[in-house]
Structure formats: structure tokens, C-alpha cells
Amino acid sequence: MLKSCYFWLLLLVGQAMLGQSAIQLQGQALEVLSSQTEDLEGFLFKPQFSPYPSQVFSFVRQVEAADESRYLYIYDLAAKSLIEVRTVTPNTGLTAPVEDSLYQTVVFNEHLDWRPVLDEQERQWFAFVSNGTENNRDIYIGFAGGSNYIRLTNNPAVDTAPKWSPDGNSIAFISRRSGNGDIYLVADVDKIISEVNRDPARFRLVQLTDTPLEERHLDWNPDPASQLLAYSKLVRFPGRQVATFQIRIMDLSRAPLDREYAVTNDPLTNYTRPRWDPQSGSRLLYTGQGILQEAEANLYVSEMARDANGRIANKVLEDYRTEVFTGVRLTNSPALWLAGGEAVLCQKDSVEADYPIYSVNVRKWLEKEERGVNEAADLNAQFPNISEFDARKNNLIFIDQEENGSRIYLAQVYGDDILPYKLPSYALEATRARTLAQEAPAEPPVVTGGGGGNGKYLVGGGAVAATAAVVAYFLLKGNGNGNGDIQTIPIGMPPSAPGSGN
């Protein structure tokens, strides 16, 4: 009896030391959708939660694994309604539902990205890629519950991967119209939504990069005032035949020739998939994988700040990065930020162990505290494929890929690595600034276009300017002591903004 009690005591202590309470399943998981359902045959993937309301998410369906056709859907969990996004391309620039015979030519609808703010009519917009009826992939926008879509681009080259700016007034995307894949931006989206004549030729389109190789994996800093866009850039280093992807940050608050900051510079490693932490916007998470055969992929984080001159810089050392997880699985979502922005959820790339799920507390890891990495044992037992996380309700979407189809599950989680959700200060200020801008419109600041762009463009519009003037949210701790340390400056405040001291 004594030995038995001692065993269970050791087991409980061991579980506590391993941090099993870092993240756990709350109740039972719910099967939401299955490709066994009529009209959903095939494989389901890429779920994305809508910001408003949180019970709506999009996903993509692929009929056959070898087929390049994609079908885009929006599902309402509360109403249990499923809507397919369909497009055609009339001369007006608008799109509308069509007969099934015509829809057979529209075989690519994907890359949906939800707008982070509602419009003046409280509508939730989204951007996506469609090949229309011309078999040409362009950027479209629409709103949840609507049946018409606005075509934003009209070019023979492929336009893809749209990403809304945090204030919702610009969309960055990748286009092959000028090379292997440069970054472009559609500005003044509020005006496009409100206009009657929506001819893509009249839209304000700006080229942000003009490089011989490729850019991909766009991710805006969540603070609208920061005007920071992270991305992966293919770089060919001197003396190296093989180019590698490196993480870059574009600071749109600065002049064109002074915008790009190199987070990584390693000719032997591909760094991809940058993701800003959603709460403070100061930590940048990304993956790194060596170019040697069978090299494992790892998760890295860099802490960013503005220096004394207002330039974005690494808080610690130039080109400094911290490895926070080894052997991460790159399929599905390599890492999902959890509520509070302190921890991420990821999977180990181990098929033998059925890709175990871990929570990585980035803050604890950086501050060298215990329990920085914790295995989520009860999640591993049921759900091998994590795909999406909703910080407002702590809901996870898991997709079980079967031999002939997929099942989408919704599971609520809790634990020490999940903090209570709260709207970040910059989001509150952005909402206030947007309201003020609508009530008393002001002339927004003009930034000169770069990278081969034509003319001038507005980055974020008046809301960004107003936000930059009022935000005083310090994201990082530090001292401007003159010893080479990064001076503490709000990362979201461009150096030219009122009150920035420059």
C-alpha cells in the first residue's frame, strides 16, 4: 500500500514537472464538418477564423490530391450554414453567383484572408484569390453574407497571397507581373468599397519590392501604427550557387531606400513563415531549416524594437535569434500563437509518435524560466493535425486527414500557457482613431512609393496617422543608456509621427 501511494505521488510530481497543465482539452471535441457530406467530397484544409463574429471560419476543399482545383467555403458554427464563394468576371469589375455550367470554368478559389476590422456598415470583409472565368488568378474582396465580389487586380500574371493591413485600409499581395514574385500593395480600400465604379485600372496599386528572386509569406505587424510588414525573401549570397530564404521586415514609415531590415542572414538555412505575436507585436516567430539533406526544421524567435533613430532593429544583437523548438512539423500550421501572445502551439515532426503536440512558452524560454516547453498529452491522443486557433474563445481547429477525405473538429482548450484574452492597446487606439477620422477627416501623410512603383500611395490612411499620434504603448523593456542597448521606443510609433521625438 505504501509503495503504491509512493508511486502515484511520484507520477503526480513528474507530471507537474513536465508541465502537463500547460494546455489541456476542455470537455469533448466536436466534429463540425466531414468530406463524407454531400458536395464536400475531397480534402478540407486551411481553416481561418473570422474576427467578427468568432463563430465563422473559412476553409478550402480540394477534390483530389493531384488536382489543382480549389473551392472556397465559409461556415457559420452558430447557424450551421455553409456558403461557397463563387466568382465570375463581368466588365463592371463586380462578380456574382453563376450557373453551374459556367462555374465549371472557375476552378480556383483560395488564399482567403479576413479583414481585421469591420466597415462602416459593420460588415466583415475578406480577400481571396480566384481565377474567374479567364483562368487567371487575381485578388478579389467580398463580405460575409454578400453575394457580389470586387476584383482588385486585373493582370495576366499570377496575383496571390493577399494580406490585409491591421487597419483594414490596404492589402499587400505577391505578384509575378514583375518577376518571380514581388510584393505589391492596394491602398485606399475604404474608398474602393464605397465607390460605385470599381474598375481595377483606377485602383491605387503600388509595387513595394523589385527583386530578381522571390518573396513570400507576408505577415503584418498587428499594431497599425508600426507599418511593419514581415516576409521571406529569397537571397543569393556571394560565392553560393543555391539561394536561401531569409526573414526581412519592411518599415513603410521610412523612405523607400531605408525600409528593409534583415532579421536573418544565413546562406545555409531557409528561414520562412514569419508570424508576429498578436498581443504586443514585438516578437517575431519563424521557422528555419538547413539546406542539407534531411535537415530538421526549428522554430526561432527574434525580439524587435526601434533604436534611438526610430529604425526597427533587433533588441539583443544584430542577426540574433533564439531557437525555441527543434524538429517542428511544417505541414498545416507550423506554430499558432495562443491567447495572450506568450506561448505558441506546434507539433514535433515525428511520424512514429503521431506528431506530438507541444506548447512553447516563448516568454519563459527567453527569460530562462522552467516549463518553457510542455507536451499536450491529451491533445496528442486524439488530434494529430492542428490547424487554427481562436484566441477569443480558446478554440482549436483540428483536421483529421483520412485516406479518402477529411474531418474538421473544434476543441476548446485551457491551461497555464493560455492567458485571458484582452484587446491590445493598439487595437483600442486604432478603433478610436478610425472613429475620429470618419467624424473629422484629415489629410493623411503621403509616403513616396518605392521598388519601381508609380507615384505615391497612402499606407493605412488617416487612421494610421491618428493612431501614431496617440499611441503610447511601450512593448519592450530596456534602457537608453548609451552603451549600445536599444532605446525603448514604442515599436508602433513611426519616427516622423507627432510626439515621437524625431
Protein backbone atom coordinates (compact mmCIF):
# COMPACT_ATOMS: atom_id res chain seq x y z
CA MET A 1 0.00 0.00 0.00
CA LEU A 2 2.81 2.36 0.91
CA LYS A 3 4.67 1.56 -2.29
CA SER A 4 1.50 2.17 -4.31
CA CYS A 5 0.97 5.61 -2.72
CA TYR A 6 4.63 6.46 -3.31
CA PHE A 7 4.28 5.50 -6.99
CA TRP A 8 1.27 7.75 -7.54
CA LEU A 9 2.96 10.60 -5.69
CA LEU A 10 5.98 10.31 -7.96
CA LEU A 11 3.69 10.20 -11.00
CA LEU A 12 1.86 13.39 -9.99
CA VAL A 13 5.13 15.18 -9.21
CA GLY A 14 6.55 14.05 -12.55
CA GLN A 15 3.52 15.34 -14.43
CA ALA A 16 3.79 18.69 -12.66
CA MET A 17 7.48 18.94 -13.53
CA LEU A 18 6.77 18.11 -17.16
CA GLY A 19 4.15 20.85 -17.28
CA GLN A 20 1.18 18.72 -18.34
CA SER A 21 -1.20 21.51 -17.25
CA ALA A 22 0.25 23.98 -19.74
CA ILE A 23 -2.56 23.22 -22.20
CA GLN A 24 -5.40 20.73 -21.92
CA LEU A 25 -8.62 19.76 -23.65
CA GLN A 26 -11.81 21.25 -22.18
CA GLY A 27 -14.63 18.71 -22.49
CA GLN A 28 -15.13 16.80 -25.72
CA ALA A 29 -14.14 17.82 -29.22
CA LEU A 30 -16.93 18.44 -31.72
CA GLU A 31 -16.90 17.14 -35.27
CA VAL A 32 -18.00 20.14 -37.32
CA LEU A 33 -17.67 19.06 -40.96
CA SER A 34 -16.75 15.97 -42.90
CA SER A 35 -15.88 15.42 -46.54
CA GLN A 36 -18.21 12.42 -46.38
CA THR A 37 -21.00 15.00 -46.54
CA GLU A 38 -22.67 15.52 -49.91
CA ASP A 39 -20.97 18.24 -52.01
CA LEU A 40 -17.90 18.25 -49.73
CA GLU A 41 -16.10 15.27 -51.18
CA GLY A 42 -12.32 15.51 -51.16
CA PHE A 43 -9.84 17.05 -48.73
CA LEU A 44 -10.51 20.02 -46.44
CA PHE A 45 -7.74 22.33 -45.26
CA LYS A 46 -6.60 25.91 -44.47
CA PRO A 47 -9.31 26.93 -41.94
CA GLN A 48 -9.28 30.61 -40.93
CA PHE A 49 -11.42 32.10 -38.14
CA SER A 50 -13.23 35.34 -38.90
CA PRO A 51 -12.50 38.21 -36.47
CA TYR A 52 -16.20 39.18 -36.38
CA PRO A 53 -18.01 37.09 -35.39
CA SER A 54 -15.69 34.47 -33.98
CA GLN A 55 -18.03 31.57 -34.78
CA VAL A 56 -17.41 31.86 -38.51
CA PHE A 57 -14.47 30.31 -40.33
CA SER A 58 -13.42 29.67 -43.90
CA PHE A 59 -11.77 26.61 -45.41
CA VAL A 60 -10.65 25.22 -48.74
CA ARG A 61 -11.71 21.98 -50.44
CA GLN A 62 -9.61 20.01 -52.91
CA VAL A 63 -11.38 17.16 -54.69
CA GLU A 64 -8.34 15.03 -55.48
CA ALA A 65 -4.81 15.16 -54.10
CA ALA A 66 -3.28 15.56 -57.57
CA ASP A 67 -5.87 18.11 -58.73
CA GLU A 68 -5.03 21.83 -58.60
CA SER A 69 -8.67 22.88 -58.36
CA ARG A 70 -9.66 24.67 -55.13
CA TYR A 71 -13.12 25.50 -53.76
CA LEU A 72 -13.60 28.10 -51.03
CA TYR A 73 -16.26 27.92 -48.29
CA ILE A 74 -17.44 29.94 -45.29
CA TYR A 75 -19.07 28.08 -42.41
CA ASP A 76 -21.16 29.62 -39.59
CA LEU A 77 -20.92 27.46 -36.46
CA ALA A 78 -23.91 29.11 -34.76
CA ALA A 79 -26.27 28.94 -37.74
CA LYS A 80 -24.70 25.73 -39.10
CA SER A 81 -24.79 27.26 -42.56
CA LEU A 82 -22.29 26.59 -45.34
CA ILE A 83 -21.70 29.04 -48.21
CA GLU A 84 -19.43 28.51 -51.18
CA VAL A 85 -17.59 31.53 -52.60
CA ARG A 86 -18.12 31.62 -56.37
CA THR A 87 -16.96 34.28 -58.84
CA VAL A 88 -17.22 35.38 -62.44
CA THR A 89 -15.78 38.49 -64.06
CA PRO A 90 -18.20 40.83 -65.90
CA ASN A 91 -16.97 44.11 -67.39
CA THR A 92 -18.13 46.07 -64.32
CA GLY A 93 -15.40 44.61 -62.15
CA LEU A 94 -18.09 43.07 -59.94
CA THR A 95 -18.75 39.37 -59.58
CA ALA A 96 -21.93 37.47 -58.94
CA PRO A 97 -23.25 33.93 -58.47
CA VAL A 98 -23.45 32.00 -61.73
CA GLU A 99 -24.99 28.89 -63.21
CA ASP A 100 -23.17 25.62 -62.53
CA SER A 101 -22.28 25.23 -66.21
CA LEU A 102 -20.34 28.49 -66.18
CA TYR A 103 -18.91 27.77 -62.73
CA GLN A 104 -17.14 24.71 -64.10
CA THR A 105 -14.56 27.09 -65.60
CA VAL A 106 -13.95 28.67 -62.17
CA VAL A 107 -11.76 26.06 -60.54
CA PHE A 108 -9.53 28.07 -58.20
CA ASN A 109 -10.80 30.00 -55.16
CA GLU A 110 -8.32 30.05 -52.27
CA HIS A 111 -5.97 32.10 -50.04
CA LEU A 112 -8.74 33.77 -48.02
CA ASP A 113 -7.66 36.45 -45.53
CA TRP A 114 -10.18 38.13 -43.22
CA ARG A 115 -10.18 41.89 -42.76
CA PRO A 116 -9.19 42.69 -39.14
CA VAL A 117 -11.79 45.49 -38.77
CA LEU A 118 -15.44 45.94 -39.76
CA ASP A 119 -16.52 48.57 -42.27
CA GLU A 120 -18.86 51.48 -41.53
CA GLN A 121 -21.87 49.21 -42.05
CA GLU A 122 -20.46 46.62 -39.60
CA ARG A 123 -19.72 44.16 -42.41
CA GLN A 124 -16.91 41.60 -42.23
CA TRP A 125 -14.87 41.72 -45.46
CA PHE A 126 -12.36 39.20 -46.73
CA ALA A 127 -9.85 38.96 -49.58
CA PHE A 128 -9.19 35.87 -51.66
CA VAL A 129 -7.68 34.62 -54.92
CA SER A 130 -9.81 33.43 -57.84
CA ASN A 131 -9.11 32.51 -61.44
CA GLY A 132 -12.51 33.89 -62.51
CA THR A 133 -13.66 32.74 -65.94
CA GLU A 134 -10.42 33.81 -67.65
CA ASN A 135 -8.25 31.19 -65.93
CA ASN A 136 -6.13 33.96 -64.44
CA ARG A 137 -5.53 34.29 -60.71
CA ASP A 138 -6.37 37.74 -59.35
CA ILE A 139 -7.25 39.30 -55.97
CA TYR A 140 -10.91 39.76 -55.02
CA ILE A 141 -12.69 41.07 -51.93
CA GLY A 142 -16.18 40.46 -50.58
CA PHE A 143 -18.06 40.50 -47.29
CA ALA A 144 -19.60 37.69 -45.26
CA GLY A 145 -23.24 37.26 -46.20
CA GLY A 146 -22.82 39.06 -49.51
CA SER A 147 -23.01 37.54 -52.99
CA ASN A 148 -21.05 40.10 -55.03
CA TYR A 149 -17.26 40.41 -55.06
CA ILE A 150 -14.92 43.20 -56.14
CA ARG A 151 -11.99 42.36 -58.39
CA LEU A 152 -8.94 44.29 -57.17
CA THR A 153 -6.33 43.22 -59.73
CA ASN A 154 -6.50 42.50 -63.44
CA ASN A 155 -3.18 41.33 -64.85
CA PRO A 156 -2.10 38.33 -66.98
CA ALA A 157 0.44 37.38 -64.31
CA VAL A 158 -0.49 35.45 -61.17
CA ASP A 159 -1.51 37.56 -58.14
CA THR A 160 -1.76 35.65 -54.87
CA ALA A 161 -1.48 35.57 -51.04
CA PRO A 162 -3.43 38.76 -50.08
CA LYS A 163 -2.87 40.08 -46.54
CA TRP A 164 -4.91 42.90 -45.01
CA SER A 165 -3.07 45.64 -43.17
CA PRO A 166 -4.10 45.82 -39.47
CA ASP A 167 -6.17 48.97 -40.03
CA GLY A 168 -8.01 47.29 -42.92
CA ASN A 169 -7.30 50.01 -45.49
CA SER A 170 -4.56 48.28 -47.51
CA ILE A 171 -3.91 44.82 -48.90
CA ALA A 172 -0.42 43.51 -49.61
CA PHE A 173 -0.02 40.59 -52.01
CA ILE A 174 2.52 38.71 -54.12
CA SER A 175 2.55 39.15 -57.90
CA ARG A 176 4.62 37.66 -60.69
CA ARG A 177 3.94 40.56 -63.04
CA SER A 178 7.45 41.96 -62.46
CA GLY A 179 9.49 38.82 -61.79
CA ASN A 180 9.45 35.67 -59.72
CA GLY A 181 7.22 37.16 -57.04
CA ASP A 182 7.35 40.77 -55.81
CA ILE A 183 5.29 42.46 -53.10
CA TYR A 184 2.55 44.85 -54.19
CA LEU A 185 0.00 46.87 -52.24
CA VAL A 186 -3.54 48.04 -52.96
CA ALA A 187 -4.18 51.17 -50.90
CA ASP A 188 -7.34 53.13 -50.04
CA VAL A 189 -9.52 50.02 -49.80
CA ASP A 190 -12.15 52.01 -47.88
CA LYS A 191 -12.63 54.16 -50.97
CA ILE A 192 -12.86 51.10 -53.21
CA ILE A 193 -15.59 49.62 -51.03
CA SER A 194 -17.59 52.84 -51.06
CA GLU A 195 -17.23 53.62 -54.77
CA VAL A 196 -19.78 52.64 -57.38
CA ASN A 197 -17.30 52.41 -60.26
CA ARG A 198 -14.93 49.61 -59.29
CA ASP A 199 -12.68 49.38 -62.32
CA PRO A 200 -9.35 47.75 -61.24
CA ALA A 201 -7.48 50.13 -63.57
CA ARG A 202 -8.44 53.01 -61.27
CA PHE A 203 -7.26 51.42 -58.04
CA ARG A 204 -4.13 52.67 -56.30
CA LEU A 205 -1.62 49.87 -56.83
CA VAL A 206 1.98 50.21 -55.64
CA GLN A 207 4.98 47.94 -56.14
CA LEU A 208 6.89 47.58 -52.85
CA THR A 209 9.75 45.30 -53.93
CA ASP A 210 11.58 44.81 -57.21
CA THR A 211 14.00 41.91 -56.77
CA PRO A 212 15.29 39.24 -59.18
CA LEU A 213 14.17 36.39 -56.90
CA GLU A 214 11.06 35.61 -54.87
CA GLU A 215 9.24 36.99 -51.83
CA ARG A 216 6.55 35.08 -49.92
CA HIS A 217 4.85 34.56 -46.50
CA LEU A 218 3.61 38.09 -45.78
CA ASP A 219 2.65 38.98 -42.20
CA TRP A 220 1.72 42.48 -41.00
CA ASN A 221 2.66 43.61 -37.51
CA PRO A 222 -0.68 43.76 -35.63
CA ASP A 223 -0.09 47.34 -34.45
CA PRO A 224 -1.43 49.65 -37.20
CA ALA A 225 0.93 52.45 -36.20
CA SER A 226 4.04 50.31 -36.74
CA GLN A 227 3.59 49.96 -40.53
CA LEU A 228 5.81 46.86 -40.41
CA LEU A 229 5.46 44.00 -42.88
CA ALA A 230 7.47 40.80 -42.32
CA TYR A 231 8.15 38.39 -45.17
CA SER A 232 10.51 35.71 -46.53
CA LYS A 233 12.92 36.84 -49.24
CA LEU A 234 14.97 34.55 -51.46
CA VAL A 235 18.59 35.74 -51.30
CA ARG A 236 21.63 34.59 -53.29
CA PHE A 237 24.76 35.13 -51.21
CA PRO A 238 28.18 35.82 -52.80
CA GLY A 239 30.03 32.61 -53.66
CA ARG A 240 26.91 30.46 -53.21
CA GLN A 241 25.06 28.80 -56.07
CA VAL A 242 21.98 27.94 -54.01
CA ALA A 243 19.84 30.84 -52.80
CA THR A 244 18.10 30.64 -49.44
CA PHE A 245 15.03 32.33 -47.95
CA GLN A 246 15.73 34.94 -45.27
CA ILE A 247 13.41 36.89 -42.98
CA ARG A 248 13.00 40.58 -43.78
CA ILE A 249 10.95 43.39 -42.26
CA MET A 250 9.72 46.28 -44.40
CA ASP A 251 9.18 49.51 -42.46
CA LEU A 252 6.71 51.53 -44.54
CA SER A 253 7.04 54.53 -42.25
CA ARG A 254 10.51 55.21 -43.69
CA ALA A 255 11.87 56.36 -47.06
CA PRO A 256 12.00 53.69 -49.82
CA LEU A 257 15.78 53.17 -49.63
CA ASP A 258 15.72 52.84 -45.84
CA ARG A 259 12.84 50.40 -45.37
CA GLU A 260 14.23 46.88 -45.32
CA TYR A 261 15.69 45.28 -42.21
CA ALA A 262 17.43 41.89 -42.36
CA VAL A 263 16.34 39.70 -39.45
CA THR A 264 18.38 36.71 -40.69
CA ASN A 265 21.39 36.28 -42.99
CA ASP A 266 22.41 32.64 -43.24
CA PRO A 267 23.34 31.16 -46.65
CA LEU A 268 22.96 27.59 -45.31
CA THR A 269 19.44 27.90 -43.85
CA ASN A 270 16.00 28.70 -45.24
CA TYR A 271 14.02 30.94 -42.88
CA THR A 272 10.30 31.15 -43.65
CA ARG A 273 6.80 31.69 -42.27
CA PRO A 274 7.24 34.80 -40.07
CA ARG A 275 4.42 35.45 -37.57
CA TRP A 276 4.24 38.43 -35.20
CA ASP A 277 2.92 37.80 -31.71
CA PRO A 278 -0.66 39.12 -31.64
CA GLN A 279 -0.57 40.83 -28.26
CA SER A 280 2.50 43.09 -28.18
CA GLY A 281 3.71 42.82 -31.77
CA SER A 282 7.33 42.85 -30.58
CA ARG A 283 8.28 39.18 -31.06
CA LEU A 284 8.66 37.62 -34.48
CA LEU A 285 8.40 33.84 -34.73
CA TYR A 286 9.64 31.95 -37.81
CA THR A 287 10.96 28.58 -38.96
CA GLY A 288 14.49 27.72 -40.03
CA GLN A 289 15.59 24.63 -41.95
CA GLY A 290 19.12 23.89 -43.16
CA ILE A 291 19.64 23.20 -46.85
CA LEU A 292 21.48 19.94 -46.16
CA GLN A 293 19.51 16.80 -46.95
CA GLU A 294 17.02 15.72 -44.27
CA ALA A 295 17.82 18.71 -42.05
CA GLU A 296 15.12 19.25 -39.44
CA ALA A 297 13.13 22.45 -39.16
CA ASN A 298 13.25 24.53 -35.98
CA LEU A 299 11.27 27.40 -34.50
CA TYR A 300 13.09 30.69 -33.85
CA VAL A 301 12.10 33.99 -32.31
CA SER A 302 13.61 37.47 -32.55
CA GLU A 303 12.62 40.42 -30.38
CA MET A 304 12.30 43.65 -32.32
CA ALA A 305 12.42 47.27 -31.14
CA ARG A 306 13.13 50.72 -32.53
CA ASP A 307 16.57 52.21 -31.92
CA ALA A 308 17.30 55.80 -30.91
CA ASN A 309 16.82 56.90 -34.53
CA GLY A 310 13.44 55.22 -34.81
CA ARG A 311 14.68 52.40 -37.05
CA ILE A 312 13.47 48.88 -36.50
CA ALA A 313 16.24 46.71 -35.07
CA ASN A 314 16.93 43.52 -33.18
CA LYS A 315 16.60 44.19 -29.47
CA VAL A 316 19.56 42.00 -28.49
CA LEU A 317 22.22 41.69 -31.21
CA GLU A 318 22.31 42.09 -34.97
CA ASP A 319 21.14 38.87 -36.66
CA TYR A 320 20.37 37.38 -33.22
CA ARG A 321 17.72 34.67 -32.95
CA THR A 322 16.73 32.20 -30.27
CA GLU A 323 15.81 28.62 -31.07
CA VAL A 324 12.69 27.77 -29.07
CA PHE A 325 11.77 24.37 -30.53
CA THR A 326 13.64 21.71 -32.53
CA GLY A 327 12.22 19.38 -35.15
CA VAL A 328 8.96 21.23 -35.77
CA ARG A 329 6.43 19.87 -38.25
CA LEU A 330 5.96 22.21 -41.22
CA THR A 331 2.72 20.65 -42.51
CA ASN A 332 -0.50 22.53 -41.69
CA SER A 333 0.35 25.38 -39.25
CA PRO A 334 3.98 25.23 -38.02
CA ALA A 335 3.08 27.36 -34.98
CA LEU A 336 -0.07 29.01 -33.64
CA TRP A 337 0.13 31.89 -31.16
CA LEU A 338 -2.10 31.25 -28.15
CA ALA A 339 -4.17 33.86 -26.32
CA GLY A 340 -2.02 36.40 -24.52
CA GLY A 341 0.83 36.20 -27.02
CA GLU A 342 3.23 34.44 -24.64
CA ALA A 343 3.07 30.88 -25.97
CA VAL A 344 2.67 29.02 -29.25
CA LEU A 345 1.29 25.61 -30.16
CA CYS A 346 3.28 23.40 -32.52
CA GLN A 347 3.93 19.77 -33.42
CA LYS A 348 7.01 17.57 -33.40
CA ASP A 349 7.93 16.21 -36.81
CA SER A 350 7.80 12.58 -35.68
CA VAL A 351 5.51 10.24 -37.59
CA GLU A 352 6.42 7.41 -35.22
CA ALA A 353 4.94 9.34 -32.28
CA ASP A 354 1.97 10.57 -34.38
CA TYR A 355 3.29 14.16 -34.46
CA PRO A 356 3.01 15.05 -30.74
CA ILE A 357 1.64 18.50 -29.87
CA TYR A 358 3.61 20.91 -27.66
CA SER A 359 3.02 24.33 -26.18
CA VAL A 360 6.11 26.54 -26.17
CA ASN A 361 6.02 29.43 -23.72
CA VAL A 362 8.23 31.92 -25.55
CA ARG A 363 8.37 34.35 -22.64
CA LYS A 364 9.53 31.69 -20.20
CA TRP A 365 12.05 30.38 -22.71
CA LEU A 366 13.56 33.81 -23.32
CA GLU A 367 13.67 34.57 -19.59
CA LYS A 368 15.14 31.11 -18.86
CA GLU A 369 12.28 30.05 -16.61
CA GLU A 370 11.21 26.44 -16.08
CA ARG A 371 8.48 24.75 -18.12
CA GLY A 372 9.23 26.60 -21.31
CA VAL A 373 8.24 23.58 -23.44
CA ASN A 374 5.36 21.28 -22.48
CA GLU A 375 3.78 18.31 -24.23
CA ALA A 376 -0.02 18.40 -24.60
CA ALA A 377 -0.60 14.72 -23.99
CA ASP A 378 -4.40 14.64 -24.08
CA LEU A 379 -4.46 16.55 -27.37
CA ASN A 380 -1.94 14.18 -28.93
CA ALA A 381 -4.17 11.19 -28.21
CA GLN A 382 -6.97 12.42 -30.47
CA PHE A 383 -5.86 15.15 -32.85
CA PRO A 384 -2.71 14.77 -34.94
CA ASN A 385 -3.23 17.86 -37.16
CA ILE A 386 -3.60 21.30 -35.52
CA SER A 387 -4.68 23.97 -38.00
CA GLU A 388 -6.13 27.13 -36.43
CA PHE A 389 -6.64 28.84 -33.04
CA ASP A 390 -9.23 31.41 -31.98
CA ALA A 391 -7.85 33.45 -29.06
CA ARG A 392 -11.24 34.91 -28.12
CA LYS A 393 -12.83 31.55 -27.24
CA ASN A 394 -9.68 29.39 -26.96
CA ASN A 395 -10.98 27.16 -29.72
CA LEU A 396 -8.69 24.94 -31.76
CA ILE A 397 -9.49 23.53 -35.17
CA PHE A 398 -8.08 20.08 -35.88
CA ILE A 399 -8.30 18.40 -39.26
CA ASP A 400 -8.10 14.62 -39.45
CA GLN A 401 -6.90 13.75 -42.96
CA GLU A 402 -8.14 10.30 -43.88
CA GLU A 403 -7.35 8.21 -46.92
CA ASN A 404 -10.32 9.45 -48.93
CA GLY A 405 -11.25 12.68 -47.18
CA SER A 406 -11.14 14.89 -44.10
CA ARG A 407 -12.95 15.64 -40.85
CA ILE A 408 -12.86 19.05 -39.17
CA TYR A 409 -13.02 19.12 -35.36
CA LEU A 410 -13.49 22.01 -32.95
CA ALA A 411 -11.95 21.68 -29.48
CA GLN A 412 -11.79 24.16 -26.59
CA VAL A 413 -8.55 24.22 -24.60
CA TYR A 414 -7.25 25.80 -21.39
CA GLY A 415 -4.04 25.82 -19.35
CA ASP A 416 -1.20 27.87 -17.91
CA ASP A 417 0.13 28.86 -21.34
CA ILE A 418 -3.19 30.46 -22.30
CA LEU A 419 -3.75 33.91 -20.81
CA PRO A 420 -7.13 35.68 -20.61
CA TYR A 421 -7.88 37.32 -23.93
CA LYS A 422 -7.83 41.09 -23.96
CA LEU A 423 -7.95 43.55 -26.80
CA PRO A 424 -4.43 45.01 -27.27
CA SER A 425 -3.95 48.71 -26.58
CA TYR A 426 -3.11 49.42 -30.21
CA ALA A 427 -6.41 47.83 -31.30
CA LEU A 428 -8.37 50.06 -28.93
CA GLU A 429 -6.49 53.13 -30.12
CA ALA A 430 -6.93 52.14 -33.77
CA THR A 431 -10.69 51.84 -33.30
CA ARG A 432 -10.78 55.25 -31.60
CA ALA A 433 -8.61 56.82 -34.29
CA ARG A 434 -10.73 55.31 -37.06
CA THR A 435 -13.88 56.76 -35.49
CA LEU A 436 -12.28 60.19 -35.17
CA ALA A 437 -11.05 60.06 -38.76
CA GLN A 438 -14.56 59.28 -40.00
CA GLU A 439 -16.07 62.10 -37.97
CA ALA A 440 -13.46 64.70 -38.93
CA PRO A 441 -11.46 63.57 -41.98
CA ALA A 442 -7.93 64.91 -42.13
CA GLU A 443 -5.33 64.91 -44.89
CA PRO A 444 -3.28 61.73 -44.30
CA PRO A 445 0.52 61.69 -44.61
CA VAL A 446 1.90 60.81 -48.04
CA VAL A 447 4.79 58.36 -48.35
CA THR A 448 6.79 58.10 -51.54
CA GLY A 449 6.32 54.76 -53.32
CA GLY A 450 9.36 52.54 -53.84
CA GLY A 451 10.62 49.43 -55.55
CA GLY A 452 9.61 50.52 -59.03
CA GLY A 453 6.13 51.73 -58.01
CA ASN A 454 4.33 54.53 -59.77
CA GLY A 455 3.65 57.77 -57.97
CA LYS A 456 2.64 57.98 -54.32
CA TYR A 457 0.47 55.93 -52.04
CA LEU A 458 -1.11 56.04 -48.63
CA VAL A 459 -0.09 53.46 -46.06
CA GLY A 460 -3.02 52.76 -43.78
CA GLY A 461 -4.70 56.10 -44.49
CA GLY A 462 -5.72 58.66 -41.88
CA ALA A 463 -6.36 56.06 -39.20
CA VAL A 464 -2.69 55.16 -39.04
CA ALA A 465 -1.65 58.78 -38.76
CA ALA A 466 -4.11 59.44 -35.96
CA THR A 467 -3.13 56.22 -34.20
CA ALA A 468 0.57 57.07 -34.41
CA ALA A 469 -0.10 60.40 -32.72
CA VAL A 470 -1.95 58.95 -29.74
CA VAL A 471 -0.40 55.52 -29.13
CA ALA A 472 1.96 55.45 -26.15
CA TYR A 473 2.14 51.71 -25.65
CA PHE A 474 5.61 50.50 -24.69
CA LEU A 475 6.10 46.97 -25.95
CA LEU A 476 9.61 46.27 -24.71
CA LYS A 477 11.57 46.92 -21.54
CA GLY A 478 15.00 48.49 -21.87
CA ASN A 479 17.29 51.40 -21.15
CA GLY A 480 18.72 54.01 -23.43
CA ASN A 481 21.99 54.11 -21.52
CA GLY A 482 24.32 54.90 -24.40
CA ASN A 483 26.07 51.54 -24.15
CA GLY A 484 24.75 50.16 -27.38
CA ASP A 485 21.41 48.97 -25.97
CA ILE A 486 18.24 49.53 -27.95
CA GLN A 487 16.48 52.59 -26.62
CA THR A 488 12.90 51.93 -25.51
CA ILE A 489 10.67 53.44 -28.17
CA PRO A 490 7.13 52.25 -28.88
CA ILE A 491 7.51 49.87 -31.80
CA GLY A 492 4.28 51.10 -33.29
CA MET A 493 5.27 54.75 -33.48
CA PRO A 494 6.98 55.77 -36.73
CA PRO A 495 9.87 58.23 -36.16
CA SER A 496 8.13 61.02 -38.05
CA ALA A 497 4.93 60.84 -36.02
CA PRO A 498 3.98 63.68 -33.67
CA GLY A 499 5.35 63.04 -30.20
CA SER A 500 7.98 60.53 -31.31
CA GLY A 501 10.83 62.89 -30.50
CA ASN A 502 12.33 62.86 -34.02
